[in-house]
Protein backbone atom coordinates (compact mmCIF):
# COMPACT_ATOMS: atom_id res chain seq x y z
CA MET A 1 0.00 0.00 0.00
CA ALA A 2 1.70 3.17 -1.17
CA ALA A 3 0.69 6.28 0.71
CA ALA A 4 0.08 9.28 -1.48
CA GLY A 5 0.22 11.67 1.44
CA ALA A 6 0.82 11.54 5.18
CA ALA A 7 1.17 14.22 7.78
CA LEU A 8 1.26 14.70 11.52
CA ILE A 9 -0.96 17.67 12.32
CA ALA A 10 -0.90 19.24 15.76
CA SER A 11 -3.20 21.49 17.71
CA SER A 12 -2.72 25.26 17.67
CA ALA A 13 -4.40 25.98 20.97
CA SER A 14 -2.60 28.45 23.22
CA PRO A 15 -2.59 27.93 27.00
CA TYR A 16 -1.70 29.54 30.36
CA PRO A 17 -3.64 32.46 31.92
CA LEU A 18 -2.72 35.85 30.50
CA ASP A 19 -1.72 37.31 33.87
CA GLY A 20 1.00 34.65 34.20
CA TYR A 21 3.75 36.71 32.56
CA ASP A 22 5.17 38.08 35.81
CA SER A 23 5.53 34.65 37.41
CA THR A 24 6.64 32.70 34.32
CA GLY A 25 8.36 35.19 32.02
CA ILE A 26 6.46 33.71 29.05
CA ARG A 27 6.49 36.71 26.72
CA ARG A 28 3.57 35.49 24.62
CA LEU A 29 1.28 36.01 27.61
CA LEU A 30 2.24 39.68 27.90
CA GLY A 31 1.58 40.21 24.20
CA LEU A 32 -1.88 38.65 24.34
CA ARG A 33 -2.75 40.51 27.54
CA LEU A 34 -1.83 43.82 25.90
CA ALA A 35 -3.84 42.81 22.84
CA GLN A 36 -6.96 42.48 24.99
CA GLN A 37 -6.31 46.03 26.19
CA GLY A 38 -5.93 47.33 22.62
CA GLU A 39 -2.21 48.12 22.96
CA VAL A 40 -0.98 45.37 20.63
CA GLN A 41 -2.46 44.15 17.37
CA ASP A 42 -3.21 40.50 18.00
CA SER A 43 -6.01 38.03 18.73
CA ARG A 44 -9.02 39.04 20.82
CA LEU A 45 -10.11 36.20 23.04
CA PRO A 46 -13.55 34.83 24.00
CA LYS A 47 -14.91 35.24 27.53
CA GLY A 48 -13.92 31.74 28.55
CA ALA A 49 -10.25 32.47 27.87
CA LEU A 50 -9.92 35.44 30.22
CA LEU A 51 -9.61 33.80 33.62
CA GLY A 52 -6.64 34.75 35.79
CA LEU A 53 -4.14 32.61 37.66
CA ALA A 54 -6.21 32.64 40.82
CA ASP A 55 -9.15 31.13 38.92
CA ILE A 56 -7.18 28.20 37.50
CA ASP A 57 -6.96 25.54 40.17
CA LEU A 58 -7.31 21.83 40.76
CA ARG A 59 -10.93 20.81 41.40
CA LEU A 60 -10.52 17.33 42.90
CA LEU A 61 -7.91 17.86 45.60
CA GLY A 62 -10.25 16.44 48.23
CA ARG A 63 -10.86 13.19 46.32
CA ARG A 64 -7.35 11.85 45.99
CA SER A 65 -8.19 8.17 45.48
CA PHE A 66 -10.93 8.87 42.96
CA ASP A 67 -11.18 7.01 39.65
CA PRO A 68 -13.97 7.14 37.08
CA PRO A 69 -16.89 5.01 38.32
CA ALA A 70 -18.46 2.19 36.36
CA PRO A 71 -20.08 3.40 33.13
CA ASP A 72 -23.68 4.56 33.48
CA PRO A 73 -25.70 2.40 31.01
CA GLU A 74 -28.26 5.08 30.12
CA LEU A 75 -25.67 7.84 29.68
CA THR A 76 -23.53 5.47 27.60
CA ARG A 77 -26.54 4.67 25.39
CA ARG A 78 -27.14 8.38 24.79
CA LEU A 79 -23.45 8.86 24.02
CA VAL A 80 -23.51 6.07 21.41
CA ASP A 81 -26.62 7.65 19.87
CA ILE A 82 -24.67 10.90 19.47
CA LEU A 83 -21.86 9.09 17.66
CA GLY A 84 -24.29 7.72 15.09
CA ALA A 85 -23.73 5.11 12.39
CA GLU A 86 -19.92 5.28 12.62
CA ALA A 87 -19.81 4.83 16.39
CA ASP A 88 -17.30 2.01 16.10
CA ARG A 89 -14.74 4.43 14.65
CA TYR A 90 -14.64 6.32 17.96
CA GLY A 91 -13.31 5.81 21.45
CA VAL A 92 -14.96 8.24 23.90
CA ALA A 93 -15.10 8.85 27.63
CA ILE A 94 -17.23 11.46 29.44
CA LEU A 95 -16.88 12.15 33.15
CA ASP A 96 -19.53 14.55 34.48
CA LEU A 97 -18.46 16.08 37.80
CA SER A 98 -20.96 18.94 37.84
CA ASP A 99 -22.72 17.47 40.88
CA PRO A 100 -19.95 16.11 43.12
CA ASP A 101 -22.45 13.88 44.95
CA HIS A 102 -23.70 12.28 41.74
CA VAL A 103 -20.71 11.76 39.44
CA ARG A 104 -21.60 10.11 36.14
CA TYR A 105 -19.33 8.37 33.68
CA ALA A 106 -19.92 7.04 30.17
CA GLU A 107 -17.57 5.43 27.71
CA HIS A 108 -17.67 3.76 24.34
CA ARG A 109 -14.72 1.63 23.23
CA GLY A 110 -12.78 3.19 26.06
CA ASP A 111 -9.78 0.88 25.63
CA TYR A 112 -9.49 1.34 21.85
CA ARG A 113 -5.87 2.36 21.17
CA GLN A 114 -4.47 4.49 18.38
CA ASN A 115 -1.67 6.98 17.80
CA VAL A 116 -2.92 10.12 19.54
CA GLY A 117 -0.52 12.50 17.79
CA SER A 118 0.21 15.65 19.73
CA VAL A 119 -1.93 14.56 22.66
CA GLY A 120 1.20 12.56 23.52
CA LYS A 121 2.78 15.87 24.54
CA LEU A 122 0.84 15.47 27.78
CA LEU A 123 3.30 12.69 28.58
CA VAL A 124 6.26 14.89 27.64
CA ALA A 125 5.00 17.44 30.17
CA LEU A 126 4.62 14.67 32.75
CA GLY A 127 8.18 13.47 32.11
CA LEU A 128 9.60 16.97 32.43
CA PHE A 129 7.78 17.80 35.67
CA GLN A 130 8.70 14.41 37.14
CA ALA A 131 12.37 15.05 36.36
CA LEU A 132 12.16 18.53 37.90
CA ALA A 133 10.54 17.21 41.08
CA ASP A 134 13.01 14.35 41.46
CA THR A 135 15.94 16.73 41.05
CA TRP A 136 14.67 19.73 43.04
CA PRO A 137 12.05 18.92 45.69
CA ASP A 138 11.77 22.64 46.45
CA VAL A 139 8.96 24.12 44.34
CA GLU A 140 10.51 27.58 44.10
CA HIS A 141 13.73 26.09 42.74
CA ARG A 142 11.71 24.33 40.05
CA ARG A 143 10.01 27.61 39.13
CA LYS A 144 13.43 29.25 38.86
CA VAL A 145 14.71 26.51 36.55
CA LEU A 146 11.67 26.83 34.30
CA ARG A 147 11.81 30.63 34.24
CA GLU A 148 15.56 31.28 34.06
CA THR A 149 16.98 28.40 32.01
CA LYS A 150 17.75 29.62 28.50
CA VAL A 151 17.24 26.97 25.86
CA THR A 152 18.82 27.28 22.40
CA ALA A 153 17.15 25.31 19.62
CA ASP A 154 19.39 22.76 17.91
CA GLU A 155 18.84 19.66 15.75
CA PHE A 156 16.26 18.35 18.25
CA SER A 157 13.96 21.13 17.01
CA GLN A 158 14.06 20.24 13.33
CA THR A 159 11.84 20.31 11.51
CA ASP A 160 8.25 21.46 11.92
CA HIS A 161 5.91 23.60 9.83
CA HIS A 162 3.89 24.84 12.82
CA THR A 163 4.51 28.44 13.79
CA VAL A 164 4.90 29.88 17.26
CA ARG A 165 4.30 33.36 18.58
CA PHE A 166 7.43 35.46 19.31
CA PHE A 167 6.53 38.63 21.22
CA ASP A 168 9.08 41.43 21.75
CA PRO A 169 8.13 43.40 24.89
CA ALA A 170 10.42 46.30 23.91
CA THR A 171 8.84 46.95 20.51
CA LYS A 172 5.44 45.39 21.32
CA THR A 173 5.52 43.43 18.09
CA VAL A 174 4.36 39.90 17.39
CA THR A 175 5.97 37.56 14.86
CA ARG A 176 4.71 34.09 13.98
CA ARG A 177 7.08 31.61 12.38
CA SER A 178 8.55 28.15 12.81
CA ILE A 179 11.32 27.61 15.33
CA ARG A 180 14.77 27.75 13.75
CA VAL A 181 18.12 26.44 14.93
CA GLY A 182 19.57 29.11 17.20
CA ASP A 183 16.24 30.47 18.47
CA GLN A 184 16.24 31.03 22.21
CA GLY A 185 13.60 31.03 24.89
CA SER A 186 13.21 30.05 28.50
CA LEU A 187 12.36 26.46 29.36
CA TYR A 188 8.90 27.75 30.36
CA GLU A 189 8.49 29.27 26.89
CA PHE A 190 9.47 26.06 25.10
CA VAL A 191 6.95 24.12 27.21
CA ASP A 192 4.35 26.76 26.36
CA TRP A 193 5.16 26.55 22.65
CA MET A 194 4.88 22.75 22.87
CA LEU A 195 1.41 22.88 24.41
CA SER A 196 0.05 26.06 22.79
CA PRO A 197 0.64 26.01 19.01
CA SER A 198 1.62 22.38 19.65
CA SER A 199 5.00 22.93 18.05
CA ASN A 200 6.79 19.66 17.39
CA SER A 201 10.03 21.67 17.33
CA ALA A 202 9.39 22.89 20.86
CA ALA A 203 8.43 19.37 21.93
CA GLY A 204 11.74 18.05 20.62
CA MET A 205 13.61 20.64 22.68
CA VAL A 206 11.55 19.99 25.83
CA MET A 207 12.29 16.28 25.48
CA ARG A 208 15.99 17.11 25.16
CA GLU A 209 15.87 19.24 28.31
CA ALA A 210 13.96 16.64 30.33
CA MET A 211 16.56 13.99 29.44
CA LEU A 212 19.37 16.38 30.34
CA ILE A 213 17.82 17.04 33.76
CA ARG A 214 17.62 13.28 34.30
CA GLU A 215 21.25 12.83 33.22
CA PHE A 216 22.96 15.79 34.89
CA GLY A 217 20.72 16.41 37.89
CA THR A 218 21.55 19.53 39.88
CA ALA A 219 24.38 20.34 37.43
CA TYR A 220 21.67 21.30 34.91
CA PRO A 221 21.64 23.49 32.86
CA VAL A 222 24.84 22.49 31.13
CA PRO A 223 26.72 24.28 28.31
CA GLU A 224 25.73 23.60 24.70
CA ALA A 225 29.13 22.09 23.93
CA ARG A 226 28.64 19.51 26.66
CA ILE A 227 25.12 18.74 25.39
CA LYS A 228 26.42 18.08 21.89
CA ALA A 229 29.21 15.88 23.23
CA PHE A 230 26.81 13.92 25.40
CA PHE A 231 24.45 12.99 22.58
CA LYS A 232 27.35 12.27 20.23
CA GLU A 233 29.44 10.13 22.57
CA THR A 234 26.81 8.26 24.59
CA PRO A 235 26.07 4.81 23.08
CA VAL A 236 22.65 4.44 21.47
CA PRO A 237 21.37 1.84 24.00
CA ALA A 238 22.22 4.22 26.84
CA ARG A 239 20.35 7.06 25.11
CA THR A 240 17.32 4.81 24.67
CA ALA A 241 17.49 3.82 28.34
CA LEU A 242 17.58 7.50 29.30
CA PHE A 243 14.54 8.16 27.09
CA GLU A 244 12.62 5.34 28.79
CA LYS A 245 13.56 6.54 32.26
CA THR A 246 12.46 10.08 31.36
CA PHE A 247 9.18 9.43 29.52
CA LEU A 248 8.01 5.85 30.16
CA GLU A 249 8.81 5.35 33.83
CA PRO A 250 6.78 8.41 34.97
CA VAL A 251 3.64 6.94 33.37
CA THR A 252 3.64 3.93 35.68
CA ARG A 253 4.97 5.92 38.65
CA ASN A 254 1.90 8.12 38.41
CA GLY A 255 -0.59 5.27 38.39
CA LEU A 256 -1.22 5.10 34.65
CA ASP A 257 -1.07 2.03 32.40
CA LEU A 258 1.83 2.02 29.95
CA GLU A 259 -0.02 -0.57 27.86
CA LEU A 260 -2.75 2.01 27.23
CA LEU A 261 -0.86 5.31 27.15
CA LYS A 262 2.66 5.80 25.79
CA GLN A 263 4.81 8.32 23.94
CA GLY A 264 7.46 6.15 22.35
CA SER A 265 9.56 8.63 20.35
CA VAL A 266 10.78 12.21 20.01
CA PHE A 267 8.41 14.47 18.05
CA THR A 268 10.97 15.57 15.44
CA HIS A 269 13.05 13.80 12.80
CA GLY A 270 16.21 15.45 14.14
CA GLY A 271 15.39 14.28 17.64
CA LYS A 272 14.79 10.71 16.49
CA LEU A 273 18.24 10.68 14.89
CA LYS A 274 19.75 11.65 18.25
CA VAL A 275 17.57 9.36 20.41
CA PRO A 276 15.84 6.46 18.62
CA GLY A 277 13.14 6.17 21.28
CA SER A 278 11.28 3.10 22.46
CA GLY A 279 8.66 1.75 20.09
CA GLU A 280 5.20 2.95 19.13
CA SER A 281 3.08 5.73 20.60
CA TYR A 282 -0.60 5.34 21.49
CA GLY A 283 -3.40 6.24 23.83
CA CYS A 284 -7.05 5.45 24.51
CA ALA A 285 -10.01 7.44 25.80
CA ARG A 286 -10.21 5.67 29.18
CA GLU A 287 -6.56 6.13 30.13
CA LEU A 288 -6.52 9.74 28.92
CA ALA A 289 -9.52 10.35 31.19
CA ARG A 290 -7.57 8.84 34.08
CA TYR A 291 -4.70 11.23 33.27
CA LEU A 292 -7.10 14.18 33.55
CA VAL A 293 -8.53 12.88 36.84
CA ARG A 294 -5.08 12.53 38.35
CA LEU A 295 -4.27 16.01 37.10
CA GLU A 296 -7.29 17.48 38.90
CA GLU A 297 -6.48 15.52 42.05
CA GLY A 298 -2.94 16.91 42.14
CA ARG A 299 -1.58 13.39 41.71
CA LEU A 300 0.48 13.93 38.56
CA VAL A 301 3.86 14.17 40.32
CA ASP A 302 2.53 16.59 42.97
CA GLU A 303 0.13 19.52 43.39
CA PHE A 304 2.56 22.06 41.94
CA SER A 305 3.22 19.99 38.82
CA SER A 306 -0.46 19.18 38.29
CA ARG A 307 -1.47 22.81 38.70
CA GLU A 308 1.20 24.01 36.28
CA ILE A 309 0.23 21.44 33.66
CA LYS A 310 -3.42 22.47 33.98
CA ARG A 311 -2.47 26.14 33.57
CA LEU A 312 -0.38 25.27 30.53
CA LEU A 313 -3.43 23.54 29.03
CA TYR A 314 -5.72 26.53 29.56
CA LEU A 315 -6.99 27.58 26.14
CA THR A 316 -6.25 31.27 25.50
CA GLU A 317 -6.06 31.67 21.72
CA ARG A 318 -8.03 30.84 18.58
CA ARG A 319 -10.09 27.79 19.35
CA ILE A 320 -9.88 24.90 16.92
CA ARG A 321 -11.28 21.41 16.41
CA TYR A 322 -13.23 20.18 19.46
CA ALA A 323 -12.75 23.50 21.27
CA ALA A 324 -14.01 25.57 18.32
CA THR A 325 -17.70 24.98 18.96
CA PRO A 326 -19.56 28.19 19.86
CA ALA A 327 -21.22 26.19 22.64
CA LEU A 328 -17.95 26.51 24.61
CA SER A 329 -17.17 30.18 23.94
CA ASP A 330 -18.09 31.14 27.51
CA SER A 331 -16.36 28.07 28.96
CA ALA A 332 -12.92 27.70 30.45
CA VAL A 333 -11.42 24.90 28.34
CA TYR A 334 -8.24 22.99 29.20
CA PHE A 335 -7.39 21.32 25.95
CA LYS A 336 -5.00 19.27 23.87
CA SER A 337 -5.52 17.94 20.39
CA GLY A 338 -3.52 16.07 17.80
CA SER A 339 -4.00 14.16 14.59
CA LEU A 340 -2.38 11.88 12.06
CA PHE A 341 -3.75 11.22 8.59
CA GLU A 342 -2.61 9.17 5.63
CA CYS A 343 -3.89 8.85 2.08
CA GLU A 344 -3.53 6.60 -0.93
CA LYS A 345 -4.79 7.01 -4.48
CA GLU A 346 -8.50 6.35 -4.85
CA PRO A 347 -10.80 7.14 -7.79
CA GLY A 348 -12.78 10.29 -7.10
CA PHE A 349 -10.95 11.03 -3.85
CA THR A 350 -8.65 13.99 -3.18
CA CYS A 351 -6.42 13.85 -0.10
CA ARG A 352 -6.94 16.78 2.26
CA PRO A 353 -5.71 17.58 5.78
CA TYR A 354 -7.67 15.74 8.50
CA ALA A 355 -9.53 13.67 5.86
CA GLY A 356 -7.34 10.66 5.10
CA ASN A 357 -8.67 7.51 3.47
CA VAL A 358 -6.08 5.09 4.91
CA LYS A 359 -6.01 6.52 8.43
CA ASN A 360 -7.59 9.65 9.79
CA PHE A 361 -6.76 9.84 13.47
CA MET A 362 -8.12 12.80 15.40
CA ASN A 363 -7.76 13.05 19.16
CA SER A 364 -9.05 15.57 21.68
CA VAL A 365 -8.92 15.84 25.46
CA ALA A 366 -10.75 18.59 27.31
CA ILE A 367 -11.70 19.70 30.78
CA VAL A 368 -14.69 22.06 30.55
CA GLU A 369 -15.80 24.53 33.24
CA HIS A 370 -19.01 26.26 32.06
CA PRO A 371 -19.56 29.15 32.29
CA ALA A 372 -15.95 29.95 33.06
CA ARG A 373 -16.50 31.78 36.35
CA GLU A 374 -19.68 30.12 37.64
CA ARG A 375 -18.73 26.52 36.73
CA ARG A 376 -22.34 25.37 36.62
CA LEU A 377 -21.08 22.47 34.52
CA TYR A 378 -17.77 20.72 35.11
CA TYR A 379 -16.88 17.73 32.98
CA MET A 380 -14.07 15.94 31.15
CA VAL A 381 -14.11 14.48 27.66
CA THR A 382 -11.54 12.35 25.88
CA LEU A 383 -12.24 11.50 22.25
CA VAL A 384 -10.23 9.51 19.72
CA SER A 385 -11.57 8.86 16.23
CA ASN A 386 -10.65 7.36 12.87
CA VAL A 387 -13.51 8.46 10.62
CA LEU A 388 -12.18 8.13 7.08
CA ARG A 389 -12.60 10.69 4.27
CA LYS A 390 -14.37 13.24 6.48
CA ASN A 391 -12.83 16.43 7.84
CA SER A 392 -12.18 15.17 11.36
CA ALA A 393 -11.60 18.68 12.70
CA SER A 394 -15.22 19.46 11.79
CA VAL A 395 -16.35 16.09 13.12
CA HIS A 396 -14.84 16.83 16.52
CA LEU A 397 -16.38 20.32 16.58
CA GLU A 398 -19.80 18.79 15.95
CA MET A 399 -19.23 16.15 18.62
CA ALA A 400 -18.23 18.84 21.11
CA THR A 401 -21.55 20.62 20.56
CA ARG A 402 -23.54 17.41 20.96
CA ILE A 403 -21.65 16.31 24.07
CA HIS A 404 -22.04 19.73 25.68
CA ARG A 405 -25.79 19.64 25.03
CA LEU A 406 -25.90 16.14 26.49
CA VAL A 407 -24.18 17.25 29.70
CA GLU A 408 -26.46 20.31 29.88
CA SER A 409 -29.49 18.02 29.64
CA LEU A 410 -28.31 16.13 32.72
CA HIS A 411 -28.58 19.32 34.75
CA GLY A 412 -31.83 20.86 33.56
CA GLY A 413 -30.55 22.40 30.34
CA PRO A 414 -29.06 25.87 29.92
CA PRO A 415 -30.15 28.41 32.55
CA PRO A 416 -32.44 31.34 31.62
CA SER A 417 -30.54 34.20 29.98
CA GLY A 418 -28.76 36.34 32.55
CA LYS A 419 -29.48 33.91 35.41
CA PRO A 420 -26.51 31.55 35.73
CA SER A 421 -26.98 28.76 38.22
CA PRO A 422 -24.42 28.27 40.97
CA GLY A 423 -22.11 25.35 40.46
CA PRO A 424 -19.39 23.47 42.30
CA ARG A 425 -16.50 25.65 43.37
């Protein structure tokens, strides 16, 4: 089977609350904050994207041994009805936490595995924060490392067509382009670029840095010359072992199943040449839901790490795919998406992004707090699909609308205009 076209397409959602510039030094946040004030020409954000740091917190800290309950048969039936005739091309999990005394869970093909594309960057974040915590138990030291470490892009960053936002505070100008060899940013900024425009280049660099923290410990950061020597002189099996210690071991250490959720390689071609990795990458709806639960419980590494990952997933730019539905415009959405499509020649078929005829993987994970400040609804959704020949970005947008309406129906539907109902705090 000869593929006529294949591409790994990543999300372009942009996270972290806009008032986080002072604590993180992520310059993009300052640029977007000034744009909301009319001082910089850039994106204007929906209501749900304007929460501050104080509003972004972990919602399940008091339920630290919580796991999704057994699937609710009636809710699962309604979920399958939403999926329609091609239900068996989806794996979906919904966890409704809007009423903490009556938690409801539904899933369909929850253990169905496929390559989840850029959703695997959630495991890169986990590996980095685990390495930071193991090396520096003190939270403030970890913040300092994230904020003050200057990272210079090298071969690990090459190549990727996705652009990232470079904001210059001195000139108040914004430039969007791909990361090039020699570009610099703080470790915080590279993590942000990895999880915001879902830059594979940034992911390659974050993976490099996480492995270096594992290797050099408190001697990190190390000079570029020593980094180059390390990856050149270290035998390949030792590099693979370091990769596994950095990105596979934290999965099981944090109570997740490596047979159901794994990032097996670096996200860039240049990175793969340096570190071959450890087999295939995959995920499933059920285990991704368990990742989100542990995040909200503060059980991914620790409370600091979980809270930072959640803040880094906060959607504060143009909403795409699942998050693009107008039904969520007033919602706080914590989001990651990724896709992989492949085409072959077929009479009457033209290969297009997100619409492959050999494979058409689209994957979305979301925590939704609706409306953003009242949190009348609070639920999690993980969705993987392989619906061939259809624009899967549009498919996920439609599913997001249907799932939101389903959750609304569980709680009396939308409130009267101007009269939001109180929700769980």
